[in-house]
Amino acid sequence: MDRESNPVCQFHPGGPVFHEGYKFWGCCKKRVINFDDFLNQKGCAEGEHCWTLREKPAPENVKEDLLTEVKEVHEIRPPLNYTERPDVNSQLVS
């Protein structure tokens, strides 16, 4: 195949979704169970093929505080409430 000419490609702009045994693309939502059927689905969009890796843009819906460096870590543990164990020779409650 000639890499200089950019053929039209069929692709799925939405990401893959795997939910409760079903497999489908987030853009066209044709659900299948068989993984081979999922991989063989024709793309629902067309575009120009690109032979080089494109930079992915940063996600827009990520909270800003998740992108910043963590400065402190606070460890929270439940209180330790130990109760005295009865003596091995004590009578069992019936």
C-alpha atoms as a PDB file:
ATOM      1  CA  MET A   1       0.000   0.000   0.000  1.00  0.00           C
ATOM      2  CA  ASP A   2       1.318   3.434  -0.902  1.00  0.00           C
ATOM      3  CA  ARG A   3       1.817   5.444   2.280  1.00  0.00           C
ATOM      4  CA  GLU A   4       2.024   8.729   0.391  1.00  0.00           C
ATOM      5  CA  SER A   5      -1.621   8.640  -0.583  1.00  0.00           C
ATOM      6  CA  ASN A   6      -3.957   8.900   2.378  1.00  0.00           C
ATOM      7  CA  PRO A   7      -6.820   6.465   1.771  1.00  0.00           C
ATOM      8  CA  VAL A   8     -10.173   6.958   3.419  1.00  0.00           C
ATOM      9  CA  CYS A   9     -10.457   4.912   6.611  1.00  0.00           C
ATOM     10  CA  GLN A  10     -13.521   3.635   8.393  1.00  0.00           C
ATOM     11  CA  PHE A  11     -13.148   3.829  12.164  1.00  0.00           C
ATOM     12  CA  HIS A  12     -15.008   4.185  15.450  1.00  0.00           C
ATOM     13  CA  PRO A  13     -14.491   7.627  17.025  1.00  0.00           C
ATOM     14  CA  GLY A  14     -15.966   6.359  20.312  1.00  0.00           C
ATOM     15  CA  GLY A  15     -14.018   4.091  22.613  1.00  0.00           C
ATOM     16  CA  PRO A  16     -14.725   0.420  23.241  1.00  0.00           C
ATOM     17  CA  VAL A  17     -17.237  -0.439  25.975  1.00  0.00           C
ATOM     18  CA  PHE A  18     -17.371  -3.780  27.805  1.00  0.00           C
ATOM     19  CA  HIS A  19     -20.444  -4.081  30.010  1.00  0.00           C
ATOM     20  CA  GLU A  20     -22.198  -7.163  31.442  1.00  0.00           C
ATOM     21  CA  GLY A  21     -20.777  -9.504  28.799  1.00  0.00           C
ATOM     22  CA  TYR A  22     -21.611  -7.190  25.907  1.00  0.00           C
ATOM     23  CA  LYS A  23     -18.998  -5.512  23.759  1.00  0.00           C
ATOM     24  CA  PHE A  24     -19.749  -2.381  21.738  1.00  0.00           C
ATOM     25  CA  TRP A  25     -18.285   0.871  20.510  1.00  0.00           C
ATOM     26  CA  GLY A  26     -19.372   3.990  22.379  1.00  0.00           C
ATOM     27  CA  CYS A  27     -20.249   5.755  19.126  1.00  0.00           C
ATOM     28  CA  CYS A  28     -22.578   3.288  17.385  1.00  0.00           C
ATOM     29  CA  LYS A  29     -23.743   1.022  20.246  1.00  0.00           C
ATOM     30  CA  LYS A  30     -24.290  -2.172  18.182  1.00  0.00           C
ATOM     31  CA  ARG A  31     -23.954  -4.707  21.015  1.00  0.00           C
ATOM     32  CA  VAL A  32     -22.430  -8.145  20.466  1.00  0.00           C
ATOM     33  CA  ILE A  33     -21.336 -10.937  22.773  1.00  0.00           C
ATOM     34  CA  ASN A  34     -18.632 -12.574  20.642  1.00  0.00           C
ATOM     35  CA  PHE A  35     -15.290 -10.735  20.748  1.00  0.00           C
ATOM     36  CA  ASP A  36     -14.471 -11.546  17.106  1.00  0.00           C
ATOM     37  CA  ASP A  37     -17.792 -10.027  16.037  1.00  0.00           C
ATOM     38  CA  PHE A  38     -16.901  -6.927  18.042  1.00  0.00           C
ATOM     39  CA  LEU A  39     -13.505  -6.590  16.332  1.00  0.00           C
ATOM     40  CA  ASN A  40     -15.004  -7.145  12.867  1.00  0.00           C
ATOM     41  CA  GLN A  41     -17.598  -4.361  13.122  1.00  0.00           C
ATOM     42  CA  LYS A  42     -17.209  -1.845  10.311  1.00  0.00           C
ATOM     43  CA  GLY A  43     -16.380   1.680  11.415  1.00  0.00           C
ATOM     44  CA  CYS A  44     -19.239   4.131  11.707  1.00  0.00           C
ATOM     45  CA  ALA A  45     -17.179   7.168  10.657  1.00  0.00           C
ATOM     46  CA  GLU A  46     -14.843   7.923   7.779  1.00  0.00           C
ATOM     47  CA  GLY A  47     -11.714  10.005   7.719  1.00  0.00           C
ATOM     48  CA  GLU A  48      -8.293  10.366   6.207  1.00  0.00           C
ATOM     49  CA  HIS A  49      -5.774   7.741   7.291  1.00  0.00           C
ATOM     50  CA  CYS A  50      -2.776   9.001   9.238  1.00  0.00           C
ATOM     51  CA  TRP A  51       0.397   6.860   9.331  1.00  0.00           C
ATOM     52  CA  THR A  52       1.973   8.769  12.232  1.00  0.00           C
ATOM     53  CA  LEU A  53       0.990   8.680  15.889  1.00  0.00           C
ATOM     54  CA  ARG A  54      -1.049  11.712  16.879  1.00  0.00           C
ATOM     55  CA  GLU A  55      -0.747  13.348  20.275  1.00  0.00           C
ATOM     56  CA  LYS A  56      -3.816  12.782  22.422  1.00  0.00           C
ATOM     57  CA  PRO A  57      -5.287  15.942  23.923  1.00  0.00           C
ATOM     58  CA  ALA A  58      -5.602  16.104  27.708  1.00  0.00           C
ATOM     59  CA  PRO A  59      -9.015  15.020  28.971  1.00  0.00           C
ATOM     60  CA  GLU A  60     -11.341  17.952  29.547  1.00  0.00           C
ATOM     61  CA  ASN A  61     -13.476  16.503  32.329  1.00  0.00           C
ATOM     62  CA  VAL A  62     -10.621  15.801  34.775  1.00  0.00           C
ATOM     63  CA  LYS A  63     -10.754  17.897  37.913  1.00  0.00           C
ATOM     64  CA  GLU A  64      -7.880  20.334  38.189  1.00  0.00           C
ATOM     65  CA  ASP A  65      -6.872  19.118  41.663  1.00  0.00           C
ATOM     66  CA  LEU A  66      -6.236  15.619  40.270  1.00  0.00           C
ATOM     67  CA  LEU A  67      -3.641  17.022  37.902  1.00  0.00           C
ATOM     68  CA  THR A  68      -1.629  18.771  40.617  1.00  0.00           C
ATOM     69  CA  GLU A  69       1.018  17.134  42.750  1.00  0.00           C
ATOM     70  CA  VAL A  70      -0.043  15.621  46.072  1.00  0.00           C
ATOM     71  CA  LYS A  71       1.683  17.467  48.914  1.00  0.00           C
ATOM     72  CA  GLU A  72       0.305  15.675  51.986  1.00  0.00           C
ATOM     73  CA  VAL A  73      -1.209  12.296  52.637  1.00  0.00           C
ATOM     74  CA  HIS A  74      -3.527  11.879  55.599  1.00  0.00           C
ATOM     75  CA  GLU A  75      -4.122   8.362  56.812  1.00  0.00           C
ATOM     76  CA  ILE A  76      -7.506   7.780  58.383  1.00  0.00           C
ATOM     77  CA  ARG A  77      -8.120   4.615  60.360  1.00  0.00           C
ATOM     78  CA  PRO A  78     -11.113   3.490  62.371  1.00  0.00           C
ATOM     79  CA  PRO A  79     -10.715   3.597  66.151  1.00  0.00           C
ATOM     80  CA  LEU A  80      -9.426   0.427  67.763  1.00  0.00           C
ATOM     81  CA  ASN A  81     -12.022  -0.837  70.212  1.00  0.00           C
ATOM     82  CA  TYR A  82     -10.698  -4.052  71.626  1.00  0.00           C
ATOM     83  CA  THR A  83     -12.932  -5.971  73.988  1.00  0.00           C
ATOM     84  CA  GLU A  84     -11.596  -8.346  76.571  1.00  0.00           C
ATOM     85  CA  ARG A  85     -11.912 -11.960  75.568  1.00  0.00           C
ATOM     86  CA  PRO A  86     -13.430 -14.301  78.148  1.00  0.00           C
ATOM     87  CA  ASP A  87     -11.248 -16.842  79.856  1.00  0.00           C
ATOM     88  CA  VAL A  88     -10.949 -20.184  78.081  1.00  0.00           C
ATOM     89  CA  ASN A  89     -12.328 -21.993  81.119  1.00  0.00           C
ATOM     90  CA  SER A  90     -15.366 -19.736  81.565  1.00  0.00           C
ATOM     91  CA  GLN A  91     -18.867 -21.060  81.053  1.00  0.00           C
ATOM     92  CA  LEU A  92     -20.479 -20.440  77.631  1.00  0.00           C
ATOM     93  CA  VAL A  93     -23.645 -18.378  77.570  1.00  0.00           C
ATOM     94  CA  SER A  94     -26.624 -20.395  76.364  1.00  0.00           C
END
